[in-house]
Amino acid sequence: MILTVNDINKMKNNAWDIYQRYQATMAGQLDDDIGDLESKFNEIACDMGVDYSDLWEEFENDHSAKYGL
């Protein structure tokens, strides 16, 4: 399957939403299933053709920069 820039952007936005939900769940603000969030995130990363840990690290860095952590 050939991915367009729009496809990649949509998947990245979905992964970012999952990352945010994961962070909120870890902080006790949401009651989502961590395993389910991780699974969905990993599936999106795989569909994008990137390693899930690289995508997670990118989001960690973005999150830290955004909030001055």
C-alpha atoms as a PDB file:
ATOM      1  CA  MET A   1       0.000   0.000   0.000  1.00  0.00           C
ATOM      2  CA  ILE A   2       1.368   3.397  -0.970  1.00  0.00           C
ATOM      3  CA  LEU A   3       0.805   6.076   1.647  1.00  0.00           C
ATOM      4  CA  THR A   4       0.197   9.689   0.764  1.00  0.00           C
ATOM      5  CA  VAL A   5       1.368  12.616   2.866  1.00  0.00           C
ATOM      6  CA  ASN A   6      -2.238  13.041   4.008  1.00  0.00           C
ATOM      7  CA  ASP A   7      -2.392   9.378   5.059  1.00  0.00           C
ATOM      8  CA  ILE A   8       0.780   9.740   7.104  1.00  0.00           C
ATOM      9  CA  ASN A   9      -0.416  12.991   8.684  1.00  0.00           C
ATOM     10  CA  LYS A  10      -3.745  11.395   9.674  1.00  0.00           C
ATOM     11  CA  MET A  11      -2.001   8.373  11.164  1.00  0.00           C
ATOM     12  CA  LYS A  12       0.461  10.593  13.015  1.00  0.00           C
ATOM     13  CA  ASN A  13      -2.418  12.673  14.413  1.00  0.00           C
ATOM     14  CA  ASN A  14      -4.197   9.494  15.534  1.00  0.00           C
ATOM     15  CA  ALA A  15      -0.994   8.250  17.170  1.00  0.00           C
ATOM     16  CA  TRP A  16      -0.576  11.631  18.900  1.00  0.00           C
ATOM     17  CA  ASP A  17      -4.130  11.404  20.254  1.00  0.00           C
ATOM     18  CA  ILE A  18      -3.384   7.932  21.606  1.00  0.00           C
ATOM     19  CA  TYR A  19      -0.136   9.206  23.139  1.00  0.00           C
ATOM     20  CA  GLN A  20      -2.053  12.024  24.854  1.00  0.00           C
ATOM     21  CA  ARG A  21      -4.679   9.579  26.163  1.00  0.00           C
ATOM     22  CA  TYR A  22      -1.882   7.344  27.459  1.00  0.00           C
ATOM     23  CA  GLN A  23      -0.285  10.271  29.316  1.00  0.00           C
ATOM     24  CA  ALA A  24      -3.654  11.314  30.769  1.00  0.00           C
ATOM     25  CA  THR A  25      -4.366   7.741  31.858  1.00  0.00           C
ATOM     26  CA  MET A  26      -0.958   7.454  33.533  1.00  0.00           C
ATOM     27  CA  ALA A  27      -1.690  10.740  35.350  1.00  0.00           C
ATOM     28  CA  GLY A  28      -5.020   9.354  36.585  1.00  0.00           C
ATOM     29  CA  GLN A  29      -7.109  11.732  34.491  1.00  0.00           C
ATOM     30  CA  LEU A  30      -8.588   8.989  32.282  1.00  0.00           C
ATOM     31  CA  ASP A  31      -9.390   5.350  32.868  1.00  0.00           C
ATOM     32  CA  ASP A  32      -8.372   3.920  29.489  1.00  0.00           C
ATOM     33  CA  ASP A  33      -6.798   0.494  29.142  1.00  0.00           C
ATOM     34  CA  ILE A  34      -3.026   1.039  28.842  1.00  0.00           C
ATOM     35  CA  GLY A  35      -2.500  -2.198  26.923  1.00  0.00           C
ATOM     36  CA  ASP A  36      -5.172  -1.249  24.407  1.00  0.00           C
ATOM     37  CA  LEU A  37      -3.626   2.191  23.894  1.00  0.00           C
ATOM     38  CA  GLU A  38      -0.162   0.688  23.433  1.00  0.00           C
ATOM     39  CA  SER A  39      -1.505  -1.851  20.959  1.00  0.00           C
ATOM     40  CA  LYS A  40      -3.285   0.800  18.895  1.00  0.00           C
ATOM     41  CA  PHE A  41      -0.209   3.036  18.938  1.00  0.00           C
ATOM     42  CA  ASN A  42       2.068   0.197  17.833  1.00  0.00           C
ATOM     43  CA  GLU A  43      -0.326  -0.763  15.046  1.00  0.00           C
ATOM     44  CA  ILE A  44      -0.375   2.795  13.694  1.00  0.00           C
ATOM     45  CA  ALA A  45       3.426   3.016  13.831  1.00  0.00           C
ATOM     46  CA  CYS A  46       3.675  -0.291  11.960  1.00  0.00           C
ATOM     47  CA  ASP A  47       1.192   0.935   9.325  1.00  0.00           C
ATOM     48  CA  MET A  48       3.341   4.056   8.932  1.00  0.00           C
ATOM     49  CA  GLY A  49       6.443   1.916   8.475  1.00  0.00           C
ATOM     50  CA  VAL A  50       8.257   3.327  11.503  1.00  0.00           C
ATOM     51  CA  ASP A  51       9.450   1.742  14.716  1.00  0.00           C
ATOM     52  CA  TYR A  52       6.970   2.423  17.497  1.00  0.00           C
ATOM     53  CA  SER A  53       9.749   3.422  19.908  1.00  0.00           C
ATOM     54  CA  ASP A  54      11.059   6.049  17.483  1.00  0.00           C
ATOM     55  CA  LEU A  55       7.580   7.534  17.090  1.00  0.00           C
ATOM     56  CA  TRP A  56       7.036   7.429  20.863  1.00  0.00           C
ATOM     57  CA  GLU A  57      10.362   9.190  21.453  1.00  0.00           C
ATOM     58  CA  GLU A  58       9.429  11.878  18.916  1.00  0.00           C
ATOM     59  CA  PHE A  59       6.187  12.482  20.802  1.00  0.00           C
ATOM     60  CA  GLU A  60       8.012  12.495  24.150  1.00  0.00           C
ATOM     61  CA  ASN A  61      10.339  15.182  22.824  1.00  0.00           C
ATOM     62  CA  ASP A  62       7.453  17.212  21.380  1.00  0.00           C
ATOM     63  CA  HIS A  63       5.527  16.893  24.642  1.00  0.00           C
ATOM     64  CA  SER A  64       8.543  17.954  26.701  1.00  0.00           C
ATOM     65  CA  ALA A  65       9.256  20.931  24.472  1.00  0.00           C
ATOM     66  CA  LYS A  66       5.609  21.986  24.466  1.00  0.00           C
ATOM     67  CA  TYR A  67       5.347  21.978  28.253  1.00  0.00           C
ATOM     68  CA  GLY A  68       8.903  23.011  29.062  1.00  0.00           C
ATOM     69  CA  LEU A  69       9.771  19.729  30.750  1.00  0.00           C
END
